[in-house]
Every structure is written in structure tokens, then in C-alpha cells.
Amino acid sequence: DPDMPFVPSIPEDQFILVEEGDPTVIPCRTSDPDAQVSLVNSLDKSVYALYDTKQGFIGNFPAGSYTCKTMVKGVEFKSDEFLIYIIRATSQLPVEIEALKTVYKTGETIVVTCVVFDNEVVNLQWNYPGKVKEKGLIKLDDIKVPSQKLVYTLTIPEASVKDTGDYECTARHATKEVKENKKVVITVHDKGFVHLEPQFSPLEAVNLHEVKNFVVDVQ
């Protein structure tokens, strides 16, 4: 089609995630396989790379925006803009789940964190008893120093007995078919707790016929 020399791209194709050091494809394809296509960066400078009419430009590209150009009967046409984002990632997904405590009483706030190490972009999902009601508040902290880690914090305010159960986080790799999940079991009691604080040592000696008092503080 001379009025549309570039095959339309979907939004998902225009945002390209690439692991450090990996080659990628900028998928600007033409409707005419014999068209002469060039690639430019955000400064409108030419970028030299292998062009495949069925895929697009193939190569190792720095992060940034790229556009393809072609000429049809003396008229210049530009493709959609493609954004390349370089991510730090490993083939593995080291994940840890942590809870401040695993036993709560009604009305307290449950806090569970899921930490993903050495990966900048992951798809993480929580599963927990109150998920259907969207009771949880989720926060993400992206920590770069001293090492890369993503800290996802799930907070359940005003916990009830119904919040008892498995709290599970599942992390999926941004570019590979790799996933990892971790879980912790949380228990919420309807009533409070009794804390016993003994006011004597673990081992006490008593003489024959001696009467000795032992004191325990109940809190």
C-alpha cells in the first residue's frame, strides 16, 4: 500500500524490553518487500543494523527511541516510534517472602513482603484470603544500592479471622518463561493473647520441707 508502506504495529510491539547484552528486533516491517528502509535514533541519526523484511531491524541497540524511514515515489514515510528499554535480569528468579510475624489478633495490621533479587522488571502477583475483596494494599520499592532488588509489600489493615490462610507471591520473569513462588501461613485469632512472664530462673533448688513461692506476671 503506497499510502501505508509500514505494516501497522500494536502498542505492545512499540515498547521493547531487552536484557543487557542481548540482541533484539525493532519490528518495523514494510508492505513492499523491496522497499529500502533506514533506521534512525531520537537524534535523527542513522543507525546501521541488519534488516529483515519479515521481522525488522535486528541488532544490539542502546536504550532509547527508534524510527524507521522509507521513500515511496519521492515521499518520505516514517514508522511508529519504538522504545527500547534495557533491563538487568538473570536467568533465575531469587525470591524471598517475609512476614513481621505469622500470628495476629483481630484488628491488627498484617504486613508481608516479597523480595525479588537481581531483576529489574518482573510480573508479580499476590494470592491471599482477602484478594477477592481487594483488601490488601500493595507497595513497590525499587532498590538499586548496594544491589538490585524489588521489594513488594502487602498490607492488610484491620485483620479479621477471615484473613487467616496462605499468603503467596508469584514472580514471573520479564523475558523468559521462568517463575518462582513463595508462601507463608498467617493466622488471625479472634481474641487476644496471654503472656506469662516468670519471675524466677529456669532451674530452682528447694530444701526438703521448705515452702517457696513462685511468681508469674500475667500480661
Protein backbone atom coordinates (compact mmCIF):
# COMPACT_ATOMS: atom_id res chain seq x y z
CA ASP A 1 0.00 0.00 0.00
CA PRO A 2 1.75 3.22 -1.14
CA ASP A 3 -0.24 5.25 1.39
CA MET A 4 0.79 2.96 4.26
CA PRO A 5 4.22 1.50 3.48
CA PHE A 6 4.78 0.29 7.05
CA VAL A 7 2.69 -2.52 8.50
CA PRO A 8 0.80 -1.03 11.49
CA SER A 9 2.25 -2.09 14.84
CA ILE A 10 0.38 -2.76 18.04
CA PRO A 11 1.30 -0.82 21.22
CA GLU A 12 2.89 -3.90 22.78
CA ASP A 13 5.40 -4.05 19.92
CA GLN A 14 6.44 -0.44 20.38
CA PHE A 15 7.79 -0.96 23.91
CA ILE A 16 10.70 -3.40 23.75
CA LEU A 17 12.29 -4.93 26.86
CA VAL A 18 15.79 -6.27 26.31
CA GLU A 19 18.20 -7.90 28.71
CA GLU A 20 21.68 -6.41 28.93
CA GLY A 21 23.85 -7.65 26.06
CA ASP A 22 21.06 -9.41 24.16
CA PRO A 23 20.15 -8.68 20.52
CA THR A 24 16.61 -7.60 19.72
CA VAL A 25 14.28 -6.81 16.83
CA ILE A 26 12.79 -3.41 16.03
CA PRO A 27 9.66 -4.69 14.23
CA CYS A 28 9.11 -2.07 11.53
CA ARG A 29 8.00 -4.14 8.56
CA THR A 30 7.06 -2.84 5.12
CA SER A 31 4.17 -3.89 2.91
CA ASP A 32 6.59 -3.84 -0.04
CA PRO A 33 9.41 -6.39 0.48
CA ASP A 34 11.60 -4.48 -2.00
CA ALA A 35 11.37 -1.17 -0.13
CA GLN A 36 14.59 0.48 1.05
CA VAL A 37 14.33 1.07 4.79
CA SER A 38 16.58 3.04 7.11
CA LEU A 39 16.68 3.29 10.89
CA VAL A 40 17.25 6.48 12.90
CA ASN A 41 17.51 7.22 16.61
CA SER A 42 15.96 10.02 18.67
CA LEU A 43 18.58 12.46 17.31
CA ASP A 44 17.58 11.55 13.74
CA LYS A 45 20.98 9.94 13.20
CA SER A 46 21.24 6.80 11.09
CA VAL A 47 21.68 3.51 12.93
CA TYR A 48 23.24 0.67 10.95
CA ALA A 49 21.76 -2.79 11.52
CA LEU A 50 20.66 -5.88 9.61
CA TYR A 51 17.19 -5.52 8.07
CA ASP A 52 14.88 -8.47 7.58
CA THR A 53 11.72 -7.69 5.58
CA LYS A 54 9.69 -10.20 7.63
CA GLN A 55 10.93 -9.08 11.05
CA GLY A 56 12.53 -5.64 11.00
CA PHE A 57 15.93 -4.38 12.15
CA ILE A 58 17.99 -6.88 14.12
CA GLY A 59 20.91 -5.96 16.35
CA ASN A 60 22.23 -4.84 19.72
CA PHE A 61 20.74 -1.41 20.29
CA PRO A 62 21.30 1.04 23.15
CA ALA A 63 18.26 2.11 25.16
CA GLY A 64 16.23 4.88 23.53
CA SER A 65 13.71 5.62 20.79
CA TYR A 66 13.99 4.49 17.18
CA THR A 67 12.04 5.19 13.99
CA CYS A 68 12.16 3.58 10.55
CA LYS A 69 12.02 5.54 7.30
CA THR A 70 11.32 4.67 3.69
CA MET A 71 10.68 6.51 0.44
CA VAL A 72 7.67 5.92 -1.84
CA LYS A 73 7.63 7.87 -5.12
CA GLY A 74 9.82 10.57 -3.64
CA VAL A 75 7.74 10.91 -0.46
CA GLU A 76 9.31 10.02 2.90
CA PHE A 77 7.29 7.90 5.33
CA LYS A 78 8.07 7.20 8.98
CA SER A 79 7.06 4.22 11.07
CA ASP A 80 5.71 4.37 14.59
CA GLU A 81 8.27 5.16 17.29
CA PHE A 82 9.82 2.14 19.04
CA LEU A 83 11.17 2.46 22.58
CA ILE A 84 13.92 0.12 23.76
CA TYR A 85 14.40 -0.35 27.48
CA ILE A 86 17.45 -2.26 28.73
CA ILE A 87 16.82 -4.29 31.88
CA ARG A 88 19.09 -6.04 34.31
CA ALA A 89 17.96 -9.63 34.68
CA THR A 90 19.21 -13.11 35.46
CA SER A 91 18.02 -16.46 34.15
CA GLN A 92 16.94 -17.34 37.69
CA LEU A 93 14.42 -15.60 39.94
CA PRO A 94 15.71 -15.45 43.51
CA VAL A 95 12.61 -14.70 45.63
CA GLU A 96 12.10 -14.47 49.38
CA ILE A 97 8.93 -13.89 51.38
CA GLU A 98 8.97 -12.37 54.85
CA ALA A 99 6.36 -11.60 57.49
CA LEU A 100 6.89 -9.48 60.60
CA LYS A 101 5.02 -12.23 62.45
CA THR A 102 2.74 -15.11 61.50
CA VAL A 103 0.20 -14.91 64.34
CA TYR A 104 -2.05 -11.85 64.73
CA LYS A 105 -5.10 -10.87 66.69
CA THR A 106 -8.23 -9.24 65.26
CA GLY A 107 -7.77 -5.57 64.43
CA GLU A 108 -4.02 -5.72 63.89
CA THR A 109 -2.32 -4.93 60.58
CA ILE A 110 -0.81 -7.81 58.61
CA VAL A 111 2.40 -6.97 56.74
CA VAL A 112 4.04 -9.41 54.31
CA THR A 113 6.93 -8.59 51.96
CA CYS A 114 8.10 -10.41 48.85
CA VAL A 115 11.61 -9.60 47.64
CA VAL A 116 12.92 -10.31 44.12
CA PHE A 117 16.70 -10.10 43.72
CA ASP A 118 18.89 -9.21 40.70
CA ASN A 119 15.99 -8.46 38.33
CA GLU A 120 14.72 -5.00 37.41
CA VAL A 121 11.40 -5.96 35.80
CA VAL A 122 9.15 -8.84 36.85
CA ASN A 123 5.44 -9.58 36.87
CA LEU A 124 4.49 -10.25 40.49
CA GLN A 125 1.09 -11.35 41.73
CA TRP A 126 -0.22 -11.86 45.25
CA ASN A 127 -2.69 -14.51 46.36
CA TYR A 128 -4.18 -14.19 49.84
CA PRO A 129 -7.53 -14.81 51.60
CA GLY A 130 -8.86 -11.25 51.14
CA LYS A 131 -7.82 -10.82 47.49
CA VAL A 132 -11.36 -11.17 46.10
CA LYS A 133 -12.42 -8.15 48.17
CA GLU A 134 -9.20 -6.31 47.23
CA LYS A 135 -8.49 -5.80 50.89
CA GLY A 136 -4.71 -5.63 50.52
CA LEU A 137 -2.62 -2.53 49.86
CA ILE A 138 0.45 -3.19 47.69
CA LYS A 139 3.58 -1.03 47.57
CA LEU A 140 6.71 -1.48 45.46
CA ASP A 141 10.19 -0.24 46.38
CA ASP A 142 12.84 -0.49 43.65
CA ILE A 143 16.21 -0.61 45.42
CA LYS A 144 19.39 -0.22 43.35
CA VAL A 145 22.11 0.08 46.01
CA PRO A 146 24.04 -1.88 47.16
CA SER A 147 22.36 -4.44 44.88
CA GLN A 148 19.24 -4.67 42.72
CA LYS A 149 16.09 -5.83 44.46
CA LEU A 150 12.35 -5.26 44.14
CA VAL A 151 10.51 -5.17 47.46
CA TYR A 152 6.74 -5.74 47.21
CA THR A 153 4.88 -5.06 50.46
CA LEU A 154 1.35 -6.36 51.05
CA THR A 155 -0.54 -4.68 53.92
CA ILE A 156 -3.87 -5.91 55.31
CA PRO A 157 -5.37 -3.33 57.71
CA GLU A 158 -7.86 -4.30 60.42
CA ALA A 159 -7.25 -8.03 60.13
CA SER A 160 -10.04 -10.48 60.96
CA VAL A 161 -10.25 -14.24 61.40
CA LYS A 162 -11.21 -14.45 57.70
CA ASP A 163 -7.71 -13.23 56.83
CA THR A 164 -6.22 -16.48 58.12
CA GLY A 165 -4.59 -18.58 55.41
CA ASP A 166 -1.83 -18.77 52.81
CA TYR A 167 -0.13 -15.59 51.63
CA GLU A 168 1.65 -16.34 48.36
CA CYS A 169 3.63 -14.22 45.92
CA THR A 170 4.40 -15.43 42.39
CA ALA A 171 7.11 -13.70 40.33
CA ARG A 172 7.36 -14.19 36.56
CA HIS A 173 10.44 -13.32 34.52
CA ALA A 174 10.04 -10.34 32.16
CA THR A 175 11.56 -12.05 29.11
CA LYS A 176 11.82 -15.78 29.92
CA GLU A 177 9.32 -18.49 30.80
CA VAL A 178 10.55 -18.63 34.38
CA LYS A 179 8.50 -18.19 37.53
CA GLU A 180 9.02 -18.62 41.24
CA ASN A 181 6.54 -18.56 44.11
CA LYS A 182 6.85 -18.39 47.87
CA LYS A 183 4.25 -18.52 50.62
CA VAL A 184 3.79 -18.03 54.33
CA VAL A 185 0.87 -19.09 56.53
CA ILE A 186 -0.76 -16.32 58.57
CA THR A 187 -3.14 -16.98 61.49
CA VAL A 188 -5.52 -14.38 62.93
CA HIS A 189 -7.14 -15.07 66.32
CA ASP A 190 -10.45 -13.58 67.38
CA LYS A 191 -9.29 -12.94 70.96
CA GLY A 192 -6.09 -11.56 72.40
CA PHE A 193 -3.16 -13.41 73.91
CA VAL A 194 -2.00 -14.04 77.45
CA HIS A 195 1.71 -13.54 78.00
CA LEU A 196 3.27 -15.26 81.02
CA GLU A 197 6.44 -13.71 82.43
CA PRO A 198 8.05 -15.95 85.10
CA GLN A 199 9.90 -14.11 87.87
CA PHE A 200 12.23 -17.00 88.64
CA SER A 201 15.06 -18.81 86.91
CA PRO A 202 14.51 -21.92 84.76
CA LEU A 203 16.06 -24.09 87.49
CA GLU A 204 15.24 -23.56 91.19
CA ALA A 205 16.50 -25.60 94.20
CA VAL A 206 14.23 -26.28 97.17
CA ASN A 207 15.24 -27.84 100.51
CA LEU A 208 13.22 -30.69 101.98
CA HIS A 209 10.04 -29.38 103.69
CA GLU A 210 10.83 -25.84 102.54
CA VAL A 211 7.95 -23.73 101.23
CA LYS A 212 8.88 -21.50 98.34
CA ASN A 213 6.69 -19.08 96.38
CA PHE A 214 6.94 -18.67 92.62
CA VAL A 215 5.57 -15.51 90.99
CA VAL A 216 4.34 -15.29 87.40
CA ASP A 217 3.27 -11.97 85.85
CA VAL A 218 0.27 -12.28 83.54
CA GLN A 219 0.15 -9.65 80.79
